[in-house]
């Protein structure tokens, strides 16, 4: 009888832990966000181009979620932008806008070009609809 117990106890413990961790793993909600240059490269480079006063670089924002609750996409400036020589570039030299129609649902909060330097340090860019579906926008 004791031999049966010493064999069954670890087996029962293993099955219980397998079921427990299997249920815990599948109960987490998933939420991820990525930002990649729309033109397909892996980084944003603004090179000096004589005769060109402005250059547009667009980012594609992709939100993947199964949370099923409304969410917001915000931006926060955490460090100054510098050029190749290490000189700081004013945020006033950048504009921010959302490309209307590039998303499936939700609301852009910056639909027209706004100088970044005039915006607060944390900006509300996008708000999903109330069911919080996955979305992407430029």
N, C-alpha and C. Protein backbone atom coordinates (compact mmCIF):
# COMPACT_ATOMS: atom_id res chain seq x y z
N UNK A 1 0.83 -1.20 0.00
CA UNK A 1 0.00 0.00 0.00
C UNK A 1 0.87 1.25 0.00
N UNK A 2 1.92 1.25 0.79
CA UNK A 2 2.82 2.38 0.88
C UNK A 2 3.53 2.63 -0.45
N UNK A 3 3.89 1.56 -1.16
CA UNK A 3 4.54 1.70 -2.46
C UNK A 3 3.61 2.33 -3.47
N UNK A 4 2.32 1.97 -3.40
CA UNK A 4 1.34 2.56 -4.32
C UNK A 4 1.20 4.06 -4.04
N UNK A 5 1.18 4.45 -2.76
CA UNK A 5 1.07 5.85 -2.39
C UNK A 5 2.28 6.66 -2.83
N UNK A 6 3.47 6.10 -2.67
CA UNK A 6 4.67 6.83 -3.08
C UNK A 6 4.74 7.00 -4.58
N UNK A 7 4.09 6.11 -5.31
CA UNK A 7 4.03 6.25 -6.77
C UNK A 7 2.91 7.21 -7.18
N UNK A 8 1.76 7.11 -6.55
CA UNK A 8 0.59 7.91 -6.92
C UNK A 8 0.71 9.37 -6.48
N UNK A 9 1.30 9.62 -5.33
CA UNK A 9 1.39 10.98 -4.81
C UNK A 9 2.15 11.91 -5.77
N UNK A 10 3.35 11.54 -6.25
CA UNK A 10 4.03 12.42 -7.22
C UNK A 10 3.24 12.55 -8.52
N UNK A 11 2.58 11.48 -8.94
CA UNK A 11 1.79 11.53 -10.17
C UNK A 11 0.62 12.49 -10.02
N UNK A 12 -0.07 12.41 -8.89
CA UNK A 12 -1.21 13.32 -8.63
C UNK A 12 -0.71 14.75 -8.54
N UNK A 13 0.41 14.98 -7.86
CA UNK A 13 0.99 16.31 -7.74
C UNK A 13 1.36 16.87 -9.11
N UNK A 14 1.97 16.03 -9.95
CA UNK A 14 2.34 16.46 -11.30
C UNK A 14 1.11 16.86 -12.11
N UNK A 15 0.07 16.05 -12.07
CA UNK A 15 -1.16 16.34 -12.81
C UNK A 15 -1.80 17.63 -12.30
N UNK A 16 -1.85 17.80 -10.99
CA UNK A 16 -2.44 19.02 -10.42
C UNK A 16 -1.66 20.27 -10.84
N UNK A 17 -0.33 20.22 -10.77
CA UNK A 17 0.49 21.36 -11.17
C UNK A 17 0.36 21.64 -12.66
N UNK A 18 0.30 20.59 -13.47
CA UNK A 18 0.14 20.76 -14.92
C UNK A 18 -1.17 21.47 -15.23
N UNK A 19 -2.25 21.04 -14.60
CA UNK A 19 -3.56 21.66 -14.82
C UNK A 19 -3.55 23.09 -14.30
N UNK A 20 -3.01 23.31 -13.11
CA UNK A 20 -2.98 24.64 -12.51
C UNK A 20 -2.21 25.63 -13.38
N UNK A 21 -0.98 25.27 -13.78
CA UNK A 21 -0.19 26.19 -14.61
C UNK A 21 -0.76 26.33 -16.01
N UNK A 22 -1.38 25.31 -16.50
CA UNK A 22 -2.03 25.40 -17.81
C UNK A 22 -3.17 26.39 -17.79
N UNK A 23 -3.96 26.41 -16.70
CA UNK A 23 -5.07 27.35 -16.59
C UNK A 23 -4.58 28.77 -16.33
N UNK A 24 -3.54 28.91 -15.50
CA UNK A 24 -3.01 30.24 -15.20
C UNK A 24 -2.43 30.87 -16.45
N UNK A 25 -1.66 30.13 -17.22
CA UNK A 25 -1.07 30.66 -18.45
C UNK A 25 -2.11 31.15 -19.43
N UNK A 26 -3.21 30.44 -19.56
CA UNK A 26 -4.21 30.81 -20.55
C UNK A 26 -5.15 31.91 -20.04
N UNK A 27 -5.01 32.35 -18.78
CA UNK A 27 -5.92 33.35 -18.25
C UNK A 27 -5.39 34.78 -18.36
N UNK A 28 -4.17 34.98 -18.85
CA UNK A 28 -3.62 36.32 -18.98
C UNK A 28 -4.13 36.99 -20.25
N UNK A 29 -4.43 38.27 -20.13
CA UNK A 29 -4.82 39.05 -21.31
C UNK A 29 -3.57 39.46 -22.06
N UNK A 30 -3.72 39.63 -23.36
CA UNK A 30 -2.59 40.04 -24.19
C UNK A 30 -2.82 41.45 -24.69
N UNK A 31 -1.78 42.29 -24.58
CA UNK A 31 -1.82 43.64 -25.11
C UNK A 31 -0.42 43.99 -25.56
N UNK A 32 -0.26 44.35 -26.81
CA UNK A 32 1.05 44.77 -27.28
C UNK A 32 0.88 45.92 -28.27
N UNK A 33 1.91 46.73 -28.34
CA UNK A 33 1.91 47.86 -29.26
C UNK A 33 3.28 47.93 -29.92
N UNK A 34 3.29 48.20 -31.21
CA UNK A 34 4.56 48.36 -31.91
C UNK A 34 4.48 49.56 -32.83
N UNK A 35 5.61 50.18 -33.06
CA UNK A 35 5.70 51.33 -33.96
C UNK A 35 6.86 51.07 -34.92
N UNK A 36 6.56 51.06 -36.21
CA UNK A 36 7.59 50.85 -37.22
C UNK A 36 7.45 51.90 -38.31
N UNK A 37 8.54 52.32 -38.89
CA UNK A 37 8.44 53.28 -40.01
C UNK A 37 7.57 52.70 -41.12
N UNK A 38 6.66 53.50 -41.63
CA UNK A 38 5.71 53.06 -42.64
C UNK A 38 6.40 52.66 -43.94
N UNK A 39 7.52 53.28 -44.24
CA UNK A 39 8.21 53.00 -45.50
C UNK A 39 8.94 51.65 -45.48
N UNK A 40 8.89 50.91 -44.38
CA UNK A 40 9.43 49.57 -44.34
C UNK A 40 10.82 49.42 -43.77
N UNK A 41 11.48 50.51 -43.40
CA UNK A 41 12.82 50.40 -42.81
C UNK A 41 12.69 50.10 -41.31
N UNK A 42 13.81 49.98 -40.64
CA UNK A 42 13.78 49.69 -39.21
C UNK A 42 14.09 50.91 -38.35
N UNK A 43 14.43 52.04 -38.96
CA UNK A 43 14.75 53.24 -38.18
C UNK A 43 14.35 54.49 -38.95
N UNK A 44 14.20 55.56 -38.21
CA UNK A 44 13.90 56.86 -38.82
C UNK A 44 15.19 57.64 -38.98
N UNK A 45 15.51 58.01 -40.19
CA UNK A 45 16.68 58.84 -40.47
C UNK A 45 16.24 60.08 -41.21
N UNK A 46 16.60 61.24 -40.67
CA UNK A 46 16.34 62.51 -41.33
C UNK A 46 17.70 63.03 -41.79
N UNK A 47 17.94 62.98 -43.05
CA UNK A 47 19.22 63.44 -43.58
C UNK A 47 19.08 64.86 -44.10
N UNK A 48 20.15 65.61 -44.04
CA UNK A 48 20.14 66.97 -44.58
C UNK A 48 20.01 66.90 -46.10
N UNK A 49 18.94 67.50 -46.60
CA UNK A 49 18.70 67.55 -48.05
C UNK A 49 18.61 69.01 -48.48
N UNK A 50 19.62 69.51 -49.17
CA UNK A 50 19.59 70.91 -49.60
C UNK A 50 18.35 71.19 -50.44
N UNK A 51 17.71 72.30 -50.15
CA UNK A 51 16.54 72.71 -50.91
C UNK A 51 15.23 72.12 -50.39
N UNK A 52 15.29 71.20 -49.44
CA UNK A 52 14.07 70.62 -48.87
C UNK A 52 13.92 71.14 -47.45
N UNK A 53 12.81 71.86 -47.20
CA UNK A 53 12.62 72.45 -45.88
C UNK A 53 11.94 71.50 -44.90
N UNK A 54 11.21 70.50 -45.41
CA UNK A 54 10.53 69.56 -44.53
C UNK A 54 10.53 68.17 -45.17
N UNK A 55 10.61 67.18 -44.33
CA UNK A 55 10.58 65.80 -44.80
C UNK A 55 9.63 65.02 -43.91
N UNK A 56 8.66 64.33 -44.50
CA UNK A 56 7.68 63.56 -43.73
C UNK A 56 8.18 62.14 -43.51
N UNK A 57 8.09 61.68 -42.31
CA UNK A 57 8.39 60.29 -41.95
C UNK A 57 7.19 59.78 -41.16
N UNK A 58 6.59 58.73 -41.65
CA UNK A 58 5.39 58.23 -41.01
C UNK A 58 5.67 56.93 -40.27
N UNK A 59 5.00 56.74 -39.14
CA UNK A 59 5.10 55.53 -38.35
C UNK A 59 3.79 54.77 -38.42
N UNK A 60 3.86 53.48 -38.52
CA UNK A 60 2.67 52.64 -38.44
C UNK A 60 2.61 52.09 -37.03
N UNK A 61 1.53 52.39 -36.33
CA UNK A 61 1.30 51.93 -34.97
C UNK A 61 0.35 50.74 -35.04
N UNK A 62 0.75 49.62 -34.46
CA UNK A 62 -0.08 48.41 -34.46
C UNK A 62 -0.35 48.02 -33.01
N UNK A 63 -1.64 47.92 -32.66
CA UNK A 63 -2.05 47.51 -31.33
C UNK A 63 -2.74 46.15 -31.46
N UNK A 64 -2.23 45.17 -30.72
CA UNK A 64 -2.82 43.84 -30.68
C UNK A 64 -3.33 43.61 -29.27
N UNK A 65 -4.59 43.23 -29.13
CA UNK A 65 -5.16 43.07 -27.80
C UNK A 65 -6.32 42.09 -27.80
N UNK A 66 -6.52 41.44 -26.66
CA UNK A 66 -7.73 40.66 -26.44
C UNK A 66 -8.37 41.06 -25.11
N UNK A 67 -8.04 42.27 -24.65
CA UNK A 67 -8.52 42.77 -23.36
C UNK A 67 -10.02 43.11 -23.41
N UNK A 68 -10.52 43.54 -24.56
CA UNK A 68 -11.93 43.89 -24.76
C UNK A 68 -12.37 45.06 -23.88
N UNK A 69 -11.48 46.02 -23.68
CA UNK A 69 -11.80 47.26 -22.96
C UNK A 69 -11.19 48.41 -23.73
N UNK A 70 -11.80 49.58 -23.60
CA UNK A 70 -11.28 50.76 -24.29
C UNK A 70 -9.86 51.07 -23.83
N UNK A 71 -9.02 51.50 -24.75
CA UNK A 71 -7.64 51.85 -24.43
C UNK A 71 -7.26 53.14 -25.16
N UNK A 72 -6.17 53.73 -24.73
CA UNK A 72 -5.65 54.96 -25.35
C UNK A 72 -4.19 54.73 -25.75
N UNK A 73 -3.80 55.37 -26.84
CA UNK A 73 -2.39 55.38 -27.24
C UNK A 73 -1.90 56.80 -27.02
N UNK A 74 -0.86 56.93 -26.20
CA UNK A 74 -0.29 58.23 -25.85
C UNK A 74 1.19 58.24 -26.22
N UNK A 75 1.73 59.40 -26.39
CA UNK A 75 3.18 59.51 -26.58
C UNK A 75 3.75 60.39 -25.49
N UNK A 76 4.97 60.07 -25.12
CA UNK A 76 5.68 60.85 -24.11
C UNK A 76 7.10 61.06 -24.60
N UNK A 77 7.56 62.28 -24.54
CA UNK A 77 8.92 62.59 -24.96
C UNK A 77 9.84 62.39 -23.76
N UNK A 78 10.74 61.42 -23.87
CA UNK A 78 11.58 61.08 -22.72
C UNK A 78 13.01 61.57 -22.86
N UNK A 79 13.40 61.95 -24.07
CA UNK A 79 14.76 62.44 -24.28
C UNK A 79 14.76 63.39 -25.47
N UNK A 80 15.65 64.36 -25.47
CA UNK A 80 15.72 65.26 -26.61
C UNK A 80 16.22 64.56 -27.87
N UNK A 81 15.85 65.09 -29.02
CA UNK A 81 16.33 64.58 -30.29
C UNK A 81 17.65 65.29 -30.59
N UNK A 82 18.64 64.52 -31.07
CA UNK A 82 19.93 65.11 -31.41
C UNK A 82 20.31 64.76 -32.84
N UNK A 83 21.17 65.59 -33.40
CA UNK A 83 21.67 65.30 -34.75
C UNK A 83 22.93 64.45 -34.65
N UNK A 84 23.56 64.18 -35.79
CA UNK A 84 24.75 63.34 -35.83
C UNK A 84 25.92 63.89 -35.05
N UNK A 85 25.94 65.20 -34.81
CA UNK A 85 27.02 65.82 -34.03
C UNK A 85 26.70 65.88 -32.54
N UNK A 86 25.49 65.42 -32.17
CA UNK A 86 25.09 65.45 -30.77
C UNK A 86 24.39 66.73 -30.36
N UNK A 87 24.14 67.65 -31.32
CA UNK A 87 23.44 68.89 -31.01
C UNK A 87 21.95 68.60 -30.83
N UNK A 88 21.35 69.21 -29.83
CA UNK A 88 19.93 69.03 -29.57
C UNK A 88 19.09 69.76 -30.63
N UNK A 89 18.04 69.10 -31.10
CA UNK A 89 17.11 69.68 -32.07
C UNK A 89 15.81 69.98 -31.34
N UNK A 90 15.31 71.19 -31.48
CA UNK A 90 14.08 71.60 -30.80
C UNK A 90 12.88 70.78 -31.28
N UNK A 91 12.01 70.45 -30.34
CA UNK A 91 10.77 69.74 -30.69
C UNK A 91 9.90 70.58 -31.62
N UNK A 92 10.09 71.90 -31.63
CA UNK A 92 9.32 72.77 -32.50
C UNK A 92 9.58 72.50 -33.99
N UNK A 93 10.65 71.77 -34.29
CA UNK A 93 10.97 71.43 -35.68
C UNK A 93 10.19 70.21 -36.18
N UNK A 94 9.37 69.61 -35.33
CA UNK A 94 8.61 68.41 -35.70
C UNK A 94 7.12 68.68 -35.61
N UNK A 95 6.37 68.06 -36.52
CA UNK A 95 4.91 68.12 -36.50
C UNK A 95 4.37 66.72 -36.32
N UNK A 96 3.20 66.65 -35.76
CA UNK A 96 2.56 65.38 -35.48
C UNK A 96 1.16 65.40 -36.08
N UNK A 97 0.77 64.31 -36.73
CA UNK A 97 -0.60 64.19 -37.23
C UNK A 97 -0.93 62.71 -37.42
N UNK A 98 -2.20 62.41 -37.45
CA UNK A 98 -2.66 61.05 -37.75
C UNK A 98 -3.27 61.05 -39.14
N UNK A 99 -3.03 60.01 -39.90
CA UNK A 99 -3.56 59.90 -41.26
C UNK A 99 -4.98 59.37 -41.18
N UNK A 100 -5.96 60.25 -41.39
CA UNK A 100 -7.36 59.86 -41.29
C UNK A 100 -7.68 58.74 -42.27
N UNK A 101 -8.43 57.76 -41.81
CA UNK A 101 -8.81 56.63 -42.64
C UNK A 101 -7.83 55.47 -42.60
N UNK A 102 -6.71 55.62 -41.90
CA UNK A 102 -5.73 54.53 -41.84
C UNK A 102 -6.04 53.52 -40.74
N UNK A 103 -7.05 53.81 -39.93
CA UNK A 103 -7.42 52.90 -38.85
C UNK A 103 -8.79 52.27 -39.14
N UNK A 104 -9.06 51.14 -38.49
CA UNK A 104 -10.33 50.45 -38.70
C UNK A 104 -11.42 50.96 -37.76
N UNK A 105 -11.05 51.35 -36.56
CA UNK A 105 -12.03 51.83 -35.58
C UNK A 105 -11.32 52.81 -34.65
N UNK A 106 -12.05 53.39 -33.73
CA UNK A 106 -11.44 54.31 -32.79
C UNK A 106 -11.37 55.73 -33.32
N UNK A 107 -10.75 56.61 -32.54
CA UNK A 107 -10.72 58.04 -32.85
C UNK A 107 -9.31 58.59 -32.76
N UNK A 108 -8.88 59.28 -33.81
CA UNK A 108 -7.62 60.04 -33.76
C UNK A 108 -7.87 61.30 -32.96
N UNK A 109 -6.93 61.65 -32.10
CA UNK A 109 -7.05 62.89 -31.33
C UNK A 109 -6.13 63.97 -31.87
N UNK A 110 -5.29 63.64 -32.84
CA UNK A 110 -4.43 64.61 -33.51
C UNK A 110 -4.62 64.36 -35.01
N UNK A 111 -5.66 64.95 -35.58
CA UNK A 111 -6.00 64.69 -36.97
C UNK A 111 -5.33 65.67 -37.92
N UNK A 112 -4.98 66.84 -37.44
CA UNK A 112 -4.30 67.81 -38.30
C UNK A 112 -2.89 68.05 -37.76
N UNK A 113 -2.00 68.48 -38.64
CA UNK A 113 -0.60 68.69 -38.24
C UNK A 113 -0.50 69.71 -37.11
N UNK A 114 0.18 69.31 -36.06
CA UNK A 114 0.40 70.18 -34.90
C UNK A 114 1.88 70.15 -34.57
N UNK A 115 2.50 71.31 -34.39
CA UNK A 115 3.91 71.31 -33.99
C UNK A 115 4.07 70.59 -32.65
N UNK A 116 4.99 69.66 -32.59
CA UNK A 116 5.19 68.86 -31.38
C UNK A 116 5.57 69.75 -30.20
N UNK A 117 6.35 70.78 -30.43
CA UNK A 117 6.79 71.66 -29.35
C UNK A 117 5.68 72.42 -28.66
N UNK A 118 4.51 72.53 -29.30
CA UNK A 118 3.40 73.26 -28.68
C UNK A 118 2.47 72.32 -27.92
N UNK A 119 2.71 71.02 -28.01
CA UNK A 119 1.86 70.05 -27.33
C UNK A 119 2.44 69.73 -25.95
N UNK A 120 1.57 69.32 -25.01
CA UNK A 120 2.10 68.90 -23.71
C UNK A 120 3.01 67.69 -23.85
N UNK A 121 3.80 67.40 -22.81
CA UNK A 121 4.79 66.33 -22.91
C UNK A 121 4.15 64.94 -23.05
N UNK A 122 2.93 64.79 -22.60
CA UNK A 122 2.22 63.52 -22.82
C UNK A 122 1.01 63.84 -23.69
N UNK A 123 0.93 63.18 -24.84
CA UNK A 123 -0.13 63.46 -25.79
C UNK A 123 -1.02 62.25 -26.00
N UNK A 124 -2.31 62.49 -26.00
CA UNK A 124 -3.28 61.46 -26.34
C UNK A 124 -3.40 61.44 -27.85
N UNK A 125 -2.93 60.36 -28.47
CA UNK A 125 -2.95 60.25 -29.92
C UNK A 125 -4.21 59.58 -30.45
N UNK A 126 -4.66 58.54 -29.76
CA UNK A 126 -5.71 57.67 -30.29
C UNK A 126 -6.51 57.08 -29.14
N UNK A 127 -7.81 56.94 -29.33
CA UNK A 127 -8.67 56.28 -28.36
C UNK A 127 -9.46 55.21 -29.10
N UNK A 128 -9.41 53.98 -28.60
CA UNK A 128 -10.15 52.89 -29.25
C UNK A 128 -11.64 53.06 -28.97
N UNK A 129 -12.47 52.29 -29.67
CA UNK A 129 -13.88 52.33 -29.33
C UNK A 129 -14.09 51.55 -28.04
N UNK A 130 -15.31 51.50 -27.53
CA UNK A 130 -15.57 50.96 -26.19
C UNK A 130 -15.26 49.47 -26.06
N UNK A 131 -15.28 48.71 -27.15
CA UNK A 131 -14.98 47.28 -27.06
C UNK A 131 -13.48 46.98 -27.17
N UNK A 132 -12.66 48.00 -27.43
CA UNK A 132 -11.20 47.86 -27.43
C UNK A 132 -10.62 46.87 -28.39
N UNK A 133 -11.02 46.89 -29.67
CA UNK A 133 -10.46 45.93 -30.61
C UNK A 133 -9.02 46.26 -31.02
N UNK A 134 -8.33 45.28 -31.55
CA UNK A 134 -7.01 45.51 -32.11
C UNK A 134 -7.15 46.49 -33.27
N UNK A 135 -6.13 47.31 -33.51
CA UNK A 135 -6.21 48.30 -34.59
C UNK A 135 -4.80 48.68 -35.00
N UNK A 136 -4.71 49.36 -36.12
CA UNK A 136 -3.44 49.92 -36.57
C UNK A 136 -3.75 51.23 -37.28
N UNK A 137 -2.78 52.13 -37.24
CA UNK A 137 -2.96 53.43 -37.88
C UNK A 137 -1.62 54.04 -38.19
N UNK A 138 -1.64 55.06 -39.05
CA UNK A 138 -0.43 55.78 -39.46
C UNK A 138 -0.54 57.20 -38.95
